[in-house]
Amino acid sequence: MSSAQTPVTRSTGKLIIAWGLVGVPLAYGVYETLTRVAALFG
């Protein structure tokens, strides 16, 4: 049973790292877009 849990833990760690690598630049891009839209209409 413990051998089945080890790949899940590694997979979860890789998933968190992958989402971090994608999510941080994506969040920055959304933030920059919203600030420029606010400046355009404000």
Protein backbone atom coordinates (compact mmCIF):
# COMPACT_ATOMS: atom_id res chain seq x y z
CA MET A 1 0.00 0.00 0.00
CA SER A 2 2.82 2.44 0.79
CA SER A 3 4.48 1.80 -2.59
CA ALA A 4 1.29 2.94 -4.30
CA GLN A 5 1.32 6.22 -2.35
CA THR A 6 4.88 7.21 -3.32
CA PRO A 7 4.15 7.95 -7.03
CA VAL A 8 1.08 9.93 -6.03
CA THR A 9 3.18 12.14 -3.76
CA ARG A 10 5.78 12.72 -6.46
CA SER A 11 3.07 13.39 -8.99
CA THR A 12 1.42 15.86 -6.65
CA GLY A 13 4.70 17.68 -6.10
CA LYS A 14 5.34 17.93 -9.82
CA LEU A 15 1.79 19.15 -10.35
CA ILE A 16 2.22 21.92 -7.78
CA ILE A 17 5.53 22.99 -9.34
CA ALA A 18 4.03 22.96 -12.84
CA TRP A 19 1.03 25.05 -11.75
CA GLY A 20 3.40 27.47 -10.04
CA LEU A 21 5.51 27.86 -13.17
CA VAL A 22 2.41 28.53 -15.25
CA GLY A 23 0.27 30.35 -12.71
CA VAL A 24 2.72 33.02 -11.58
CA PRO A 25 3.39 34.50 -15.06
CA LEU A 26 -0.29 34.12 -15.92
CA ALA A 27 -1.35 36.00 -12.78
CA TYR A 28 1.22 38.71 -13.53
CA GLY A 29 -0.10 39.06 -17.08
CA VAL A 30 -3.68 39.34 -15.87
CA TYR A 31 -2.64 41.94 -13.30
CA GLU A 32 -0.76 44.00 -15.89
CA THR A 33 -3.69 43.79 -18.31
CA LEU A 34 -6.19 44.93 -15.69
CA THR A 35 -4.01 47.85 -14.58
CA ARG A 36 -3.57 49.02 -18.18
CA VAL A 37 -7.30 48.69 -18.88
CA ALA A 38 -8.03 50.71 -15.74
CA ALA A 39 -5.58 53.39 -16.90
CA LEU A 40 -7.14 53.40 -20.36
CA PHE A 41 -10.69 53.93 -19.10
CA GLY A 42 -9.86 55.82 -15.91
